[in-house]
C-alpha atoms as a PDB file:
ATOM      1  CA  MET A   1      -9.158 -33.707  53.482  1.00  0.00           C
ATOM      2  CA  ALA A   2      -7.125 -34.675  56.531  1.00  0.00           C
ATOM      3  CA  ASP A   3      -4.069 -32.657  57.461  1.00  0.00           C
ATOM      4  CA  ARG A   4      -0.860 -34.186  56.162  1.00  0.00           C
ATOM      5  CA  PHE A   5       2.607 -33.642  57.587  1.00  0.00           C
ATOM      6  CA  TYR A   6       6.231 -34.618  57.124  1.00  0.00           C
ATOM      7  CA  GLN A   7       6.842 -37.643  59.349  1.00  0.00           C
ATOM      8  CA  ARG A   8       9.811 -39.933  59.787  1.00  0.00           C
ATOM      9  CA  LEU A   9      10.810 -43.094  61.603  1.00  0.00           C
ATOM     10  CA  THR A  10      14.356 -43.503  62.878  1.00  0.00           C
ATOM     11  CA  ILE A  11      14.935 -47.164  63.659  1.00  0.00           C
ATOM     12  CA  GLY A  12      17.668 -48.687  65.774  1.00  0.00           C
ATOM     13  CA  GLY A  13      18.686 -52.216  66.602  1.00  0.00           C
ATOM     14  CA  ASN A  14      19.602 -55.392  64.803  1.00  0.00           C
ATOM     15  CA  PRO A  15      16.878 -56.661  62.463  1.00  0.00           C
ATOM     16  CA  GLY A  16      18.756 -59.907  61.778  1.00  0.00           C
ATOM     17  CA  ASP A  17      16.697 -62.250  59.606  1.00  0.00           C
ATOM     18  CA  ASP A  18      13.781 -59.760  59.599  1.00  0.00           C
ATOM     19  CA  TYR A  19      15.736 -57.145  57.576  1.00  0.00           C
ATOM     20  CA  ILE A  20      14.158 -57.888  54.182  1.00  0.00           C
ATOM     21  CA  LYS A  21      10.658 -58.255  55.663  1.00  0.00           C
ATOM     22  CA  ILE A  22      11.011 -54.955  57.574  1.00  0.00           C
ATOM     23  CA  MET A  23      12.390 -53.081  54.545  1.00  0.00           C
ATOM     24  CA  ASP A  24       9.617 -54.499  52.346  1.00  0.00           C
ATOM     25  CA  LEU A  25       6.961 -53.363  54.814  1.00  0.00           C
ATOM     26  CA  LEU A  26       8.483 -49.923  55.364  1.00  0.00           C
ATOM     27  CA  ILE A  27       9.175 -49.041  51.753  1.00  0.00           C
ATOM     28  CA  ASP A  28       6.845 -51.089  49.552  1.00  0.00           C
ATOM     29  CA  GLU A  29       3.696 -51.508  51.621  1.00  0.00           C
ATOM     30  CA  THR A  30       3.487 -48.175  53.435  1.00  0.00           C
ATOM     31  CA  GLY A  31       4.935 -45.895  50.762  1.00  0.00           C
ATOM     32  CA  LEU A  32       7.593 -44.521  53.080  1.00  0.00           C
ATOM     33  CA  GLU A  33      10.725 -43.255  51.397  1.00  0.00           C
ATOM     34  CA  PHE A  34      14.213 -44.365  52.327  1.00  0.00           C
ATOM     35  CA  GLU A  35      16.169 -41.374  53.659  1.00  0.00           C
ATOM     36  CA  GLU A  36      19.407 -42.750  55.087  1.00  0.00           C
ATOM     37  CA  GLU A  37      21.013 -45.773  56.702  1.00  0.00           C
ATOM     38  CA  SER A  38      23.911 -45.339  59.119  1.00  0.00           C
ATOM     39  CA  SER A  39      25.065 -46.533  62.517  1.00  0.00           C
ATOM     40  CA  GLU A  40      22.750 -43.863  63.991  1.00  0.00           C
ATOM     41  CA  GLY A  41      19.704 -45.546  62.521  1.00  0.00           C
ATOM     42  CA  LEU A  42      17.686 -46.401  59.490  1.00  0.00           C
ATOM     43  CA  VAL A  43      15.574 -43.373  58.560  1.00  0.00           C
ATOM     44  CA  VAL A  44      12.423 -43.630  56.464  1.00  0.00           C
ATOM     45  CA  GLY A  45       9.893 -40.871  56.007  1.00  0.00           C
ATOM     46  CA  CYS A  46       7.062 -39.343  54.071  1.00  0.00           C
ATOM     47  CA  SER A  47       6.609 -35.672  53.261  1.00  0.00           C
ATOM     48  CA  ASP A  48       2.840 -36.023  53.012  1.00  0.00           C
ATOM     49  CA  ALA A  49       1.727 -38.468  55.714  1.00  0.00           C
ATOM     50  CA  ALA A  50      -1.630 -38.476  57.447  1.00  0.00           C
ATOM     51  CA  PRO A  51      -2.089 -39.303  61.119  1.00  0.00           C
ATOM     52  CA  GLY A  52      -2.098 -43.068  61.506  1.00  0.00           C
ATOM     53  CA  ASP A  53      -0.103 -43.787  58.338  1.00  0.00           C
ATOM     54  CA  PHE A  54       2.784 -45.261  60.364  1.00  0.00           C
ATOM     55  CA  GLU A  55       0.796 -47.504  62.722  1.00  0.00           C
ATOM     56  CA  GLU A  56       1.212 -50.750  60.758  1.00  0.00           C
ATOM     57  CA  ALA A  57       4.945 -50.150  60.336  1.00  0.00           C
ATOM     58  CA  LYS A  58       5.402 -49.323  64.035  1.00  0.00           C
ATOM     59  CA  LYS A  59       3.512 -52.457  65.073  1.00  0.00           C
ATOM     60  CA  ALA A  60       5.826 -54.570  62.891  1.00  0.00           C
ATOM     61  CA  LEU A  61       8.884 -52.875  64.399  1.00  0.00           C
ATOM     62  CA  ARG A  62       7.641 -53.577  67.937  1.00  0.00           C
ATOM     63  CA  GLU A  63       6.973 -57.214  67.025  1.00  0.00           C
ATOM     64  CA  ALA A  64      10.547 -57.468  65.665  1.00  0.00           C
ATOM     65  CA  GLY A  65      11.912 -55.841  68.856  1.00  0.00           C
ATOM     66  CA  LEU A  66      13.378 -52.879  66.937  1.00  0.00           C
ATOM     67  CA  SER A  67      13.484 -49.511  68.714  1.00  0.00           C
ATOM     68  CA  TYR A  68      12.206 -46.414  66.959  1.00  0.00           C
ATOM     69  CA  ASP A  69      11.601 -42.693  67.215  1.00  0.00           C
ATOM     70  CA  HIS A  70       8.584 -41.442  65.238  1.00  0.00           C
ATOM     71  CA  PHE A  71       8.667 -37.704  64.539  1.00  0.00           C
ATOM     72  CA  CYS A  72       5.750 -35.689  63.126  1.00  0.00           C
ATOM     73  CA  GLU A  73       6.592 -32.147  62.069  1.00  0.00           C
ATOM     74  CA  ALA A  74       4.719 -29.124  63.413  1.00  0.00           C
ATOM     75  CA  LYS A  75       2.552 -27.474  60.772  1.00  0.00           C
ATOM     76  CA  TRP A  76      -0.019 -24.690  60.967  1.00  0.00           C
ATOM     77  CA  ASP A  77      -2.043 -25.279  64.139  1.00  0.00           C
ATOM     78  CA  HIS A  78      -0.707 -28.823  64.682  1.00  0.00           C
ATOM     79  CA  GLU A  79       2.043 -29.139  67.266  1.00  0.00           C
ATOM     80  CA  GLY A  80       4.991 -31.353  66.467  1.00  0.00           C
ATOM     81  CA  GLU A  81       5.036 -34.747  68.163  1.00  0.00           C
ATOM     82  CA  ILE A  82       7.512 -37.520  68.889  1.00  0.00           C
ATOM     83  CA  TRP A  83       6.702 -41.087  69.872  1.00  0.00           C
ATOM     84  CA  TYR A  84       9.445 -43.300  71.298  1.00  0.00           C
ATOM     85  CA  TRP A  85       9.466 -47.060  71.653  1.00  0.00           C
ATOM     86  CA  ARG A  86      12.192 -49.215  73.179  1.00  0.00           C
ATOM     87  CA  PRO A  87      11.863 -52.869  74.237  1.00  0.00           C
ATOM     88  CA  GLY A  88      11.079 -52.912  77.962  1.00  0.00           C
ATOM     89  CA  LEU A  89      10.465 -49.152  78.246  1.00  0.00           C
ATOM     90  CA  ASN A  90       6.840 -49.724  79.239  1.00  0.00           C
ATOM     91  CA  PRO A  91       5.656 -52.835  81.066  1.00  0.00           C
ATOM     92  CA  ASP A  92       3.000 -53.749  78.487  1.00  0.00           C
ATOM     93  CA  GLY A  93       5.561 -53.821  75.675  1.00  0.00           C
ATOM     94  CA  GLU A  94       3.277 -51.905  73.314  1.00  0.00           C
ATOM     95  CA  THR A  95       2.797 -48.408  74.726  1.00  0.00           C
ATOM     96  CA  GLU A  96       4.910 -45.667  73.202  1.00  0.00           C
ATOM     97  CA  CYS A  97       6.248 -42.694  75.121  1.00  0.00           C
ATOM     98  CA  HIS A  98       4.915 -39.445  73.681  1.00  0.00           C
ATOM     99  CA  ALA A  99       6.298 -35.909  73.720  1.00  0.00           C
ATOM    100  CA  TRP A 100       5.366 -32.653  72.079  1.00  0.00           C
ATOM    101  CA  SER A 101       8.100 -31.083  69.998  1.00  0.00           C
ATOM    102  CA  ARG A 102       9.131 -27.925  68.277  1.00  0.00           C
ATOM    103  CA  GLN A 103      10.052 -27.852  64.609  1.00  0.00           C
ATOM    104  CA  GLY A 104      13.002 -30.167  64.034  1.00  0.00           C
ATOM    105  CA  GLY A 105      12.107 -32.589  66.819  1.00  0.00           C
ATOM    106  CA  VAL A 106      13.253 -30.746  69.944  1.00  0.00           C
ATOM    107  CA  GLN A 107      11.124 -32.001  72.850  1.00  0.00           C
ATOM    108  CA  THR A 108       9.015 -29.559  74.814  1.00  0.00           C
ATOM    109  CA  VAL A 109       7.311 -29.769  78.192  1.00  0.00           C
ATOM    110  CA  THR A 110       3.960 -28.039  78.587  1.00  0.00           C
ATOM    111  CA  VAL A 111       2.855 -25.942  81.546  1.00  0.00           C
ATOM    112  CA  GLU A 112       0.177 -28.579  82.165  1.00  0.00           C
ATOM    113  CA  ASP A 113       2.907 -31.241  82.393  1.00  0.00           C
ATOM    114  CA  LEU A 114       4.825 -29.142  84.909  1.00  0.00           C
ATOM    115  CA  GLN A 115       1.718 -28.551  87.006  1.00  0.00           C
ATOM    116  CA  GLU A 116       0.956 -32.271  87.027  1.00  0.00           C
ATOM    117  CA  PHE A 117       4.512 -33.091  88.133  1.00  0.00           C
ATOM    118  CA  ARG A 118       4.351 -30.411  90.846  1.00  0.00           C
ATOM    119  CA  GLU A 119       1.085 -31.807  92.195  1.00  0.00           C
ATOM    120  CA  SER A 120       2.570 -35.310  92.290  1.00  0.00           C
ATOM    121  CA  GLY A 121       5.183 -34.147  94.809  1.00  0.00           C
ATOM    122  CA  GLN A 122       8.078 -35.370  92.657  1.00  0.00           C
ATOM    123  CA  THR A 123      11.394 -33.553  92.701  1.00  0.00           C
ATOM    124  CA  LEU A 124      12.783 -32.051  89.514  1.00  0.00           C
ATOM    125  CA  GLN A 125      15.444 -34.786  89.375  1.00  0.00           C
ATOM    126  CA  GLU A 126      12.776 -37.505  89.706  1.00  0.00           C
ATOM    127  CA  VAL A 127      10.829 -35.944  86.848  1.00  0.00           C
ATOM    128  CA  ILE A 128      13.939 -35.702  84.641  1.00  0.00           C
ATOM    129  CA  ASP A 129      14.835 -39.327  85.383  1.00  0.00           C
ATOM    130  CA  MET A 130      11.276 -40.406  84.625  1.00  0.00           C
ATOM    131  CA  ILE A 131      11.079 -38.710  81.221  1.00  0.00           C
ATOM    132  CA  ARG A 132      14.581 -39.593  80.033  1.00  0.00           C
ATOM    133  CA  ILE A 133      14.366 -41.804  76.947  1.00  0.00           C
ATOM    134  CA  PRO A 134      17.276 -44.171  76.315  1.00  0.00           C
ATOM    135  CA  PRO A 135      19.110 -43.523  73.035  1.00  0.00           C
ATOM    136  CA  LEU A 136      18.364 -45.703  70.047  1.00  0.00           C
ATOM    137  CA  PRO A 137      20.571 -48.767  69.887  1.00  0.00           C
ATOM    138  CA  GLU A 138      23.006 -48.781  66.987  1.00  0.00           C
ATOM    139  CA  TRP A 139      21.452 -49.833  63.682  1.00  0.00           C
ATOM    140  CA  VAL A 140      23.073 -53.046  62.476  1.00  0.00           C
ATOM    141  CA  GLN A 141      22.731 -53.670  58.755  1.00  0.00           C
ATOM    142  CA  PRO A 142      23.087 -57.358  57.941  1.00  0.00           C
ATOM    143  CA  LYS A 143      26.342 -58.098  56.107  1.00  0.00           C
ATOM    144  CA  GLU A 144      24.747 -60.174  53.349  1.00  0.00           C
ATOM    145  CA  VAL A 145      22.614 -57.228  52.128  1.00  0.00           C
ATOM    146  CA  SER A 146      25.278 -54.506  52.412  1.00  0.00           C
END
């Protein structure tokens, strides 16, 4: 049996006419559970998700142009992970930014990462600027479904 972990998606942006389609996909088709909806984002999650369970939902969010943070909790020998996607963050439009995290979603930087940055000749400020992820845009719930 594959390892299963608590995972959640925090979604930001304005879904506009795609709101019902996105909610249907996130809740009905993937089995994710609604956690909260506020100006900080729409949060859906699953306490028992396998790796790859969120891929279809994330693809739909990218296609709709909605930003997201995908957090996978650390458990046993599995390190926590966070994937970020914002429109225009990567030139190909599809690639997520990835970071390791501690329990609760606090990003970490590995020694290997630091060694790679050192070998690249970048300054600490250049590295910080490079790995800074823009905040999620405010979640806008359509008025007609409030």
